[in-house]
Amino acid sequence: MALTVRFADAGDTEAIAGFLAEMDRFYGAATQAPEKAQARVADWLADDAGSSRFVLAHDGDAAVGVASVAVLLPGPELSGSLFVKDLFVAEAGRSKGVGEAIMRWLADYCVARDIGRLDLTTETWNGGARRFYTRLGGALQEQKVFFRFDRDALAALAAGD
């Protein structure tokens, strides 16, 4: 497997939309219609003002892994922090070094730009992911808790309810 990792561009819309559908199936979520997903991804990739980016791993011409990331400010010593929202490897690419290649690329990106930290979350039930990140040197942050405001909670909060 000859892996390359890079930031996604507009030509990667279909591949990213496919990964998002596969990720939804993996987590048991409802998938979006392909044309809707592709339109949304195209909008995201065209948003040059945003700090969120997609990173793709390729084996030759085939996309085999994706990560969605964003640089958050501030980070340690005002250096910034890279947040990995999702890292997903296609089933055919699992246990072949794809996830590690993406993580190493992200680490190199951080080091080259003096970004002082990389943060991510994973489900408590996902022992494989937890072992993977621990093996790569990630430290479990047990002092943190995670809160989510879903669409209903956002609407209520915005309305002052």
N, C-alpha and C. Protein backbone atom coordinates (compact mmCIF):
# COMPACT_ATOMS: atom_id res chain seq x y z
N MET A 1 0.85 -1.17 0.00
CA MET A 1 0.00 0.00 0.00
C MET A 1 0.90 1.24 0.00
N ALA A 2 0.79 2.05 -1.06
CA ALA A 2 1.56 3.29 -1.18
C ALA A 2 0.66 4.45 -0.81
N LEU A 3 0.71 4.86 0.44
CA LEU A 3 -0.21 5.88 0.94
C LEU A 3 0.33 7.28 0.75
N THR A 4 -0.57 8.18 0.36
CA THR A 4 -0.30 9.61 0.37
C THR A 4 -1.42 10.26 1.16
N VAL A 5 -1.08 11.33 1.87
CA VAL A 5 -2.06 12.05 2.68
C VAL A 5 -1.95 13.52 2.32
N ARG A 6 -3.11 14.18 2.17
CA ARG A 6 -3.12 15.59 1.80
C ARG A 6 -4.45 16.21 2.19
N PHE A 7 -4.49 17.55 2.18
CA PHE A 7 -5.76 18.23 2.35
C PHE A 7 -6.64 17.98 1.13
N ALA A 8 -7.92 17.85 1.36
CA ALA A 8 -8.88 17.64 0.28
C ALA A 8 -9.10 18.94 -0.48
N ASP A 9 -9.51 18.80 -1.73
CA ASP A 9 -9.89 19.96 -2.54
C ASP A 9 -11.23 19.66 -3.22
N ALA A 10 -11.69 20.58 -4.04
CA ALA A 10 -13.02 20.46 -4.65
C ALA A 10 -13.17 19.18 -5.46
N GLY A 11 -12.09 18.66 -6.00
CA GLY A 11 -12.16 17.42 -6.77
C GLY A 11 -12.43 16.18 -5.92
N ASP A 12 -12.41 16.33 -4.61
CA ASP A 12 -12.60 15.20 -3.70
C ASP A 12 -14.02 15.12 -3.14
N THR A 13 -14.92 15.92 -3.66
CA THR A 13 -16.28 16.00 -3.12
C THR A 13 -16.96 14.64 -3.05
N GLU A 14 -16.93 13.89 -4.13
CA GLU A 14 -17.62 12.60 -4.18
C GLU A 14 -17.00 11.61 -3.19
N ALA A 15 -15.68 11.58 -3.11
CA ALA A 15 -15.01 10.66 -2.18
C ALA A 15 -15.37 10.98 -0.74
N ILE A 16 -15.36 12.25 -0.38
CA ILE A 16 -15.69 12.63 1.00
C ILE A 16 -17.14 12.31 1.31
N ALA A 17 -18.05 12.62 0.39
CA ALA A 17 -19.46 12.29 0.61
C ALA A 17 -19.64 10.79 0.80
N GLY A 18 -18.91 9.99 0.06
CA GLY A 18 -18.97 8.54 0.23
C GLY A 18 -18.48 8.11 1.60
N PHE A 19 -17.38 8.71 2.07
CA PHE A 19 -16.89 8.39 3.41
C PHE A 19 -17.91 8.77 4.47
N LEU A 20 -18.55 9.92 4.32
CA LEU A 20 -19.53 10.35 5.32
C LEU A 20 -20.71 9.39 5.37
N ALA A 21 -21.13 8.87 4.22
CA ALA A 21 -22.22 7.88 4.21
C ALA A 21 -21.76 6.58 4.88
N GLU A 22 -20.53 6.15 4.59
CA GLU A 22 -20.01 4.93 5.22
C GLU A 22 -19.87 5.12 6.73
N MET A 23 -19.46 6.31 7.13
CA MET A 23 -19.33 6.60 8.56
C MET A 23 -20.70 6.57 9.24
N ASP A 24 -21.72 7.15 8.59
CA ASP A 24 -23.08 7.11 9.15
C ASP A 24 -23.53 5.67 9.34
N ARG A 25 -23.29 4.83 8.35
CA ARG A 25 -23.69 3.41 8.47
C ARG A 25 -22.93 2.74 9.61
N PHE A 26 -21.64 3.02 9.75
CA PHE A 26 -20.82 2.43 10.81
C PHE A 26 -21.38 2.77 12.19
N TYR A 27 -21.81 4.03 12.36
CA TYR A 27 -22.32 4.48 13.66
C TYR A 27 -23.82 4.30 13.81
N GLY A 28 -24.49 3.73 12.81
CA GLY A 28 -25.92 3.47 12.90
C GLY A 28 -26.78 4.71 12.73
N ALA A 29 -26.25 5.73 12.07
CA ALA A 29 -27.01 6.97 11.84
C ALA A 29 -27.67 6.91 10.47
N ALA A 30 -28.70 7.71 10.30
CA ALA A 30 -29.37 7.80 9.00
C ALA A 30 -28.43 8.46 7.99
N THR A 31 -28.37 7.91 6.79
CA THR A 31 -27.54 8.51 5.75
C THR A 31 -28.35 9.52 4.94
N GLN A 32 -27.66 10.48 4.39
CA GLN A 32 -28.28 11.50 3.55
C GLN A 32 -28.30 11.02 2.10
N ALA A 33 -29.20 11.56 1.31
CA ALA A 33 -29.21 11.27 -0.12
C ALA A 33 -27.85 11.69 -0.70
N PRO A 34 -27.27 10.88 -1.60
CA PRO A 34 -25.94 11.20 -2.13
C PRO A 34 -25.83 12.60 -2.72
N GLU A 35 -26.85 13.05 -3.45
CA GLU A 35 -26.76 14.38 -4.06
C GLU A 35 -26.76 15.48 -3.00
N LYS A 36 -27.51 15.27 -1.91
CA LYS A 36 -27.52 16.25 -0.82
C LYS A 36 -26.16 16.27 -0.12
N ALA A 37 -25.61 15.09 0.14
CA ALA A 37 -24.31 15.00 0.79
C ALA A 37 -23.23 15.64 -0.07
N GLN A 38 -23.25 15.37 -1.37
CA GLN A 38 -22.24 15.95 -2.25
C GLN A 38 -22.36 17.47 -2.32
N ALA A 39 -23.58 17.99 -2.34
CA ALA A 39 -23.78 19.44 -2.36
C ALA A 39 -23.25 20.08 -1.07
N ARG A 40 -23.51 19.44 0.06
CA ARG A 40 -23.03 19.97 1.34
C ARG A 40 -21.50 19.95 1.40
N VAL A 41 -20.91 18.82 0.98
CA VAL A 41 -19.45 18.72 0.99
C VAL A 41 -18.83 19.75 0.05
N ALA A 42 -19.42 19.94 -1.13
CA ALA A 42 -18.91 20.95 -2.07
C ALA A 42 -18.94 22.34 -1.43
N ASP A 43 -20.00 22.65 -0.70
CA ASP A 43 -20.08 23.94 0.00
C ASP A 43 -18.97 24.05 1.05
N TRP A 44 -18.77 22.98 1.81
CA TRP A 44 -17.73 23.00 2.84
C TRP A 44 -16.35 23.21 2.22
N LEU A 45 -16.07 22.50 1.13
CA LEU A 45 -14.76 22.60 0.51
C LEU A 45 -14.53 23.98 -0.12
N ALA A 46 -15.60 24.65 -0.51
CA ALA A 46 -15.49 25.98 -1.12
C ALA A 46 -15.37 27.09 -0.08
N ASP A 47 -15.61 26.78 1.19
CA ASP A 47 -15.60 27.79 2.25
C ASP A 47 -14.17 28.08 2.69
N ASP A 48 -13.51 28.98 1.96
CA ASP A 48 -12.12 29.31 2.28
C ASP A 48 -11.98 30.06 3.60
N ALA A 49 -13.06 30.67 4.08
CA ALA A 49 -12.98 31.46 5.30
C ALA A 49 -13.01 30.59 6.55
N GLY A 50 -13.47 29.36 6.43
CA GLY A 50 -13.60 28.48 7.59
C GLY A 50 -12.28 27.86 7.99
N SER A 51 -12.20 27.43 9.23
CA SER A 51 -10.97 26.78 9.70
C SER A 51 -11.06 25.27 9.61
N SER A 52 -12.21 24.73 9.22
CA SER A 52 -12.38 23.29 9.12
C SER A 52 -11.88 22.80 7.77
N ARG A 53 -11.20 21.66 7.79
CA ARG A 53 -10.65 21.08 6.56
C ARG A 53 -10.85 19.58 6.61
N PHE A 54 -10.84 18.98 5.44
CA PHE A 54 -10.81 17.52 5.32
C PHE A 54 -9.41 17.12 4.88
N VAL A 55 -8.95 16.00 5.41
CA VAL A 55 -7.68 15.40 5.04
C VAL A 55 -8.00 14.03 4.47
N LEU A 56 -7.41 13.69 3.33
CA LEU A 56 -7.66 12.40 2.69
C LEU A 56 -6.38 11.59 2.60
N ALA A 57 -6.51 10.29 2.81
CA ALA A 57 -5.43 9.35 2.54
C ALA A 57 -5.80 8.60 1.28
N HIS A 58 -4.83 8.45 0.39
CA HIS A 58 -5.03 7.73 -0.87
C HIS A 58 -4.05 6.57 -0.96
N ASP A 59 -4.52 5.49 -1.53
CA ASP A 59 -3.67 4.38 -1.95
C ASP A 59 -3.74 4.41 -3.47
N GLY A 60 -2.73 4.97 -4.10
CA GLY A 60 -2.81 5.22 -5.54
C GLY A 60 -3.89 6.26 -5.79
N ASP A 61 -4.85 5.92 -6.64
CA ASP A 61 -5.95 6.85 -6.94
C ASP A 61 -7.14 6.68 -6.01
N ALA A 62 -7.15 5.64 -5.19
CA ALA A 62 -8.31 5.35 -4.35
C ALA A 62 -8.20 6.03 -2.99
N ALA A 63 -9.24 6.80 -2.63
CA ALA A 63 -9.30 7.39 -1.29
C ALA A 63 -9.63 6.28 -0.30
N VAL A 64 -8.82 6.15 0.75
CA VAL A 64 -8.99 5.05 1.70
C VAL A 64 -9.22 5.53 3.13
N GLY A 65 -9.08 6.83 3.39
CA GLY A 65 -9.31 7.34 4.73
C GLY A 65 -9.54 8.83 4.70
N VAL A 66 -10.25 9.33 5.71
CA VAL A 66 -10.57 10.75 5.79
C VAL A 66 -10.53 11.20 7.24
N ALA A 67 -10.16 12.45 7.44
CA ALA A 67 -10.26 13.09 8.75
C ALA A 67 -10.85 14.47 8.53
N SER A 68 -11.69 14.90 9.45
CA SER A 68 -12.15 16.29 9.44
C SER A 68 -11.52 16.96 10.65
N VAL A 69 -10.87 18.10 10.39
CA VAL A 69 -10.07 18.76 11.41
C VAL A 69 -10.32 20.26 11.40
N ALA A 70 -9.98 20.91 12.51
CA ALA A 70 -10.04 22.36 12.60
C ALA A 70 -9.00 22.84 13.59
N VAL A 71 -8.35 23.95 13.26
CA VAL A 71 -7.44 24.58 14.20
C VAL A 71 -8.28 25.49 15.09
N LEU A 72 -8.16 25.29 16.39
CA LEU A 72 -8.90 26.08 17.38
C LEU A 72 -7.94 26.99 18.12
N LEU A 73 -8.42 28.16 18.44
CA LEU A 73 -7.61 29.15 19.16
C LEU A 73 -8.26 29.52 20.47
N PRO A 74 -7.54 29.80 21.50
CA PRO A 74 -6.11 29.62 21.62
C PRO A 74 -5.80 28.18 22.00
N GLY A 75 -4.54 27.84 21.96
CA GLY A 75 -4.06 26.54 22.41
C GLY A 75 -2.99 26.77 23.45
N PRO A 76 -2.24 25.74 23.79
CA PRO A 76 -1.19 25.89 24.79
C PRO A 76 -0.19 26.97 24.38
N GLU A 77 0.11 27.88 25.29
CA GLU A 77 1.06 28.96 25.04
C GLU A 77 0.70 29.75 23.78
N LEU A 78 -0.60 29.93 23.55
CA LEU A 78 -1.15 30.68 22.41
C LEU A 78 -0.75 30.08 21.06
N SER A 79 -0.51 28.77 21.03
CA SER A 79 -0.03 28.13 19.81
C SER A 79 -1.14 27.55 18.94
N GLY A 80 -2.33 27.42 19.45
CA GLY A 80 -3.40 26.77 18.72
C GLY A 80 -3.49 25.29 19.07
N SER A 81 -4.62 24.72 18.73
CA SER A 81 -4.88 23.30 18.98
C SER A 81 -5.59 22.75 17.75
N LEU A 82 -5.17 21.59 17.28
CA LEU A 82 -5.84 20.95 16.16
C LEU A 82 -6.86 19.97 16.73
N PHE A 83 -8.13 20.16 16.38
CA PHE A 83 -9.18 19.25 16.82
C PHE A 83 -9.53 18.33 15.67
N VAL A 84 -9.48 17.03 15.93
CA VAL A 84 -9.87 16.03 14.95
C VAL A 84 -11.31 15.64 15.26
N LYS A 85 -12.23 16.12 14.46
CA LYS A 85 -13.65 15.82 14.67
C LYS A 85 -13.93 14.36 14.37
N ASP A 86 -13.42 13.88 13.25
CA ASP A 86 -13.61 12.48 12.85
C ASP A 86 -12.37 12.00 12.12
N LEU A 87 -12.04 10.75 12.33
CA LEU A 87 -11.05 10.05 11.52
C LEU A 87 -11.71 8.74 11.15
N PHE A 88 -11.80 8.47 9.86
CA PHE A 88 -12.50 7.27 9.41
C PHE A 88 -11.73 6.63 8.27
N VAL A 89 -11.57 5.32 8.36
CA VAL A 89 -10.89 4.54 7.34
C VAL A 89 -11.90 3.59 6.71
N ALA A 90 -11.90 3.54 5.38
CA ALA A 90 -12.79 2.61 4.68
C ALA A 90 -12.51 1.19 5.15
N GLU A 91 -13.54 0.38 5.19
CA GLU A 91 -13.40 -0.99 5.69
C GLU A 91 -12.25 -1.72 5.00
N ALA A 92 -12.11 -1.54 3.70
CA ALA A 92 -11.06 -2.23 2.95
C ALA A 92 -9.66 -1.76 3.35
N GLY A 93 -9.55 -0.60 3.97
CA GLY A 93 -8.24 -0.06 4.34
C GLY A 93 -7.87 -0.23 5.79
N ARG A 94 -8.74 -0.85 6.57
CA ARG A 94 -8.47 -0.97 8.01
C ARG A 94 -7.34 -1.95 8.30
N SER A 95 -6.61 -1.66 9.36
CA SER A 95 -5.47 -2.47 9.81
C SER A 95 -4.36 -2.54 8.76
N LYS A 96 -4.26 -1.49 7.93
CA LYS A 96 -3.23 -1.43 6.90
C LYS A 96 -2.39 -0.16 7.03
N GLY A 97 -2.50 0.54 8.16
CA GLY A 97 -1.67 1.71 8.39
C GLY A 97 -2.27 3.02 7.92
N VAL A 98 -3.52 3.01 7.44
CA VAL A 98 -4.13 4.22 6.92
C VAL A 98 -4.37 5.24 8.04
N GLY A 99 -4.99 4.81 9.12
CA GLY A 99 -5.26 5.72 10.24
C GLY A 99 -3.97 6.29 10.81
N GLU A 100 -2.97 5.44 10.94
CA GLU A 100 -1.68 5.92 11.46
C GLU A 100 -1.04 6.91 10.50
N ALA A 101 -1.15 6.67 9.20
CA ALA A 101 -0.58 7.61 8.22
C ALA A 101 -1.26 8.97 8.33
N ILE A 102 -2.58 8.98 8.50
CA ILE A 102 -3.30 10.25 8.66
C ILE A 102 -2.85 10.95 9.94
N MET A 103 -2.77 10.21 11.04
CA MET A 103 -2.36 10.82 12.31
C MET A 103 -0.93 11.36 12.24
N ARG A 104 -0.03 10.63 11.60
CA ARG A 104 1.35 11.11 11.46
C ARG A 104 1.40 12.38 10.61
N TRP A 105 0.60 12.42 9.55
CA TRP A 105 0.53 13.61 8.69
C TRP A 105 0.02 14.80 9.50
N LEU A 106 -1.01 14.56 10.31
CA LEU A 106 -1.55 15.64 11.15
C LEU A 106 -0.53 16.10 12.18
N ALA A 107 0.21 15.16 12.77
CA ALA A 107 1.26 15.53 13.73
C ALA A 107 2.33 16.37 13.05
N ASP A 108 2.73 15.99 11.85
CA ASP A 108 3.72 16.76 11.11
C ASP A 108 3.20 18.16 10.79
N TYR A 109 1.93 18.25 10.42
CA TYR A 109 1.30 19.54 10.15
C TYR A 109 1.36 20.43 11.39
N CYS A 110 1.03 19.85 12.54
CA CYS A 110 1.06 20.61 13.80
C CYS A 110 2.48 21.08 14.14
N VAL A 111 3.43 20.18 14.05
CA VAL A 111 4.81 20.52 14.39
C VAL A 111 5.33 21.63 13.48
N ALA A 112 5.04 21.53 12.18
CA ALA A 112 5.54 22.52 11.21
C ALA A 112 4.93 23.90 11.43
N ARG A 113 3.76 23.97 12.06
CA ARG A 113 3.07 25.25 12.26
C ARG A 113 3.02 25.68 13.72
N ASP A 114 3.79 25.02 14.57
CA ASP A 114 3.83 25.33 16.00
C ASP A 114 2.45 25.26 16.63
N ILE A 115 1.66 24.29 16.22
CA ILE A 115 0.38 24.01 16.86
C ILE A 115 0.68 23.07 18.02
N GLY A 116 0.37 23.49 19.24
CA GLY A 116 0.88 22.82 20.42
C GLY A 116 0.12 21.61 20.91
N ARG A 117 -1.00 21.28 20.27
CA ARG A 117 -1.78 20.16 20.80
C ARG A 117 -2.72 19.64 19.72
N LEU A 118 -2.99 18.35 19.76
CA LEU A 118 -4.01 17.71 18.93
C LEU A 118 -4.99 17.05 19.88
N ASP A 119 -6.26 17.39 19.76
CA ASP A 119 -7.31 16.81 20.60
C ASP A 119 -8.30 16.07 19.73
N LEU A 120 -8.90 15.04 20.30
CA LEU A 120 -9.96 14.30 19.62
C LEU A 120 -10.78 13.56 20.66
N THR A 121 -11.93 13.09 20.24
CA THR A 121 -12.77 12.26 21.11
C THR A 121 -13.07 10.96 20.37
N THR A 122 -13.47 9.96 21.12
CA THR A 122 -13.98 8.72 20.55
C THR A 122 -15.03 8.17 21.49
N GLU A 123 -15.88 7.33 20.98
CA GLU A 123 -16.93 6.75 21.81
C GLU A 123 -16.31 5.84 22.88
N THR A 124 -16.96 5.81 24.03
CA THR A 124 -16.46 4.97 25.12
C THR A 124 -16.47 3.49 24.74
N TRP A 125 -17.40 3.09 23.88
CA TRP A 125 -17.51 1.69 23.48
C TRP A 125 -16.48 1.28 22.43
N ASN A 126 -15.77 2.26 21.84
CA ASN A 126 -14.86 1.96 20.73
C ASN A 126 -13.46 1.66 21.25
N GLY A 127 -13.31 0.46 21.80
CA GLY A 127 -12.04 0.05 22.37
C GLY A 127 -10.90 0.03 21.36
N GLY A 128 -11.20 -0.33 20.12
CA GLY A 128 -10.17 -0.34 19.09
C GLY A 128 -9.58 1.04 18.87
N ALA A 129 -10.45 2.04 18.78
CA ALA A 129 -9.97 3.42 18.59
C ALA A 129 -9.18 3.88 19.81
N ARG A 130 -9.66 3.54 20.99
CA ARG A 130 -8.96 3.96 22.20
C ARG A 130 -7.56 3.34 22.27
N ARG A 131 -7.45 2.06 21.91
CA ARG A 131 -6.14 1.41 21.89
C ARG A 131 -5.24 2.04 20.82
N PHE A 132 -5.82 2.34 19.67
CA PHE A 132 -5.08 2.94 18.56
C PHE A 132 -4.46 4.27 18.99
N TYR A 133 -5.27 5.17 19.55
CA TYR A 133 -4.76 6.49 19.94
C TYR A 133 -3.76 6.38 21.09
N THR A 134 -3.97 5.45 22.01
CA THR A 134 -3.02 5.23 23.09
C THR A 134 -1.69 4.73 22.53
N ARG A 135 -1.75 3.80 21.58
CA ARG A 135 -0.53 3.26 20.96
C ARG A 135 0.28 4.36 20.27
N LEU A 136 -0.43 5.34 19.70
CA LEU A 136 0.26 6.44 19.01
C LEU A 136 0.80 7.50 19.98
N GLY A 137 0.49 7.39 21.26
CA GLY A 137 1.01 8.33 22.25
C GLY A 137 -0.02 9.29 22.81
N GLY A 138 -1.27 9.13 22.43
CA GLY A 138 -2.33 9.99 22.97
C GLY A 138 -2.58 9.68 24.44
N ALA A 139 -2.89 10.70 25.20
CA ALA A 139 -3.17 10.54 26.63
C ALA A 139 -4.65 10.76 26.89
N LEU A 140 -5.30 9.78 27.50
CA LEU A 140 -6.71 9.88 27.85
C LEU A 140 -6.89 11.02 28.85
N GLN A 141 -7.87 11.88 28.59
CA GLN A 141 -8.13 13.06 29.43
C GLN A 141 -9.37 12.80 30.28
N GLU A 142 -9.20 12.13 31.39
CA GLU A 142 -10.34 11.76 32.23
C GLU A 142 -10.92 12.94 33.00
N GLN A 143 -10.22 14.06 33.05
CA GLN A 143 -10.73 15.22 33.78
C GLN A 143 -11.72 16.03 32.95
N LYS A 144 -11.92 15.66 31.69
CA LYS A 144 -12.84 16.39 30.81
C LYS A 144 -14.15 15.63 30.66
N VAL A 145 -15.22 16.38 30.47
CA VAL A 145 -16.51 15.81 30.09
C VAL A 145 -16.94 16.49 28.81
N PHE A 146 -17.83 15.87 28.11
CA PHE A 146 -18.24 16.31 26.78
C PHE A 146 -19.72 16.67 26.82
N PHE A 147 -20.06 17.87 26.38
CA PHE A 147 -21.46 18.31 26.30
C PHE A 147 -21.84 18.49 24.84
N ARG A 148 -23.11 18.26 24.54
CA ARG A 148 -23.61 18.47 23.19
C ARG A 148 -24.93 19.21 23.25
N PHE A 149 -25.08 20.18 22.38
CA PHE A 149 -26.34 20.87 22.15
C PHE A 149 -26.84 20.42 20.79
N ASP A 150 -27.91 19.59 20.75
CA ASP A 150 -28.45 19.14 19.47
C ASP A 150 -29.33 20.23 18.87
N ARG A 151 -29.96 19.96 17.73
CA ARG A 151 -30.76 20.98 17.06
C ARG A 151 -31.84 21.56 17.97
N ASP A 152 -32.55 20.68 18.69
CA ASP A 152 -33.61 21.16 19.58
C ASP A 152 -33.06 22.04 20.70
N ALA A 153 -31.96 21.61 21.29
CA ALA A 153 -31.35 22.39 22.37
C ALA A 153 -30.84 23.73 21.85
N LEU A 154 -30.28 23.74 20.64
CA LEU A 154 -29.81 25.00 20.05
C LEU A 154 -30.96 25.96 19.81
N ALA A 155 -32.06 25.42 19.27
CA ALA A 155 -33.23 26.27 19.00
C ALA A 155 -33.78 26.84 20.30
N ALA A 156 -33.86 26.01 21.34
CA ALA A 156 -34.38 26.48 22.62
C ALA A 156 -33.45 27.52 23.23
N LEU A 157 -32.16 27.29 23.17
CA LEU A 157 -31.20 28.24 23.71
C LEU A 157 -31.26 29.57 22.95
N ALA A 158 -31.31 29.49 21.63
CA ALA A 158 -31.37 30.70 20.81
C ALA A 158 -32.65 31.49 21.08
N ALA A 159 -33.74 30.77 21.36
CA ALA A 159 -35.03 31.42 21.61
C ALA A 159 -35.15 31.93 23.04
N GLY A 160 -34.19 31.58 23.89
CA GLY A 160 -34.25 32.01 25.28
C GLY A 160 -35.14 31.14 26.14
N ASP A 161 -35.49 29.95 25.66
CA ASP A 161 -36.37 29.03 26.42
C ASP A 161 -35.62 28.37 27.56
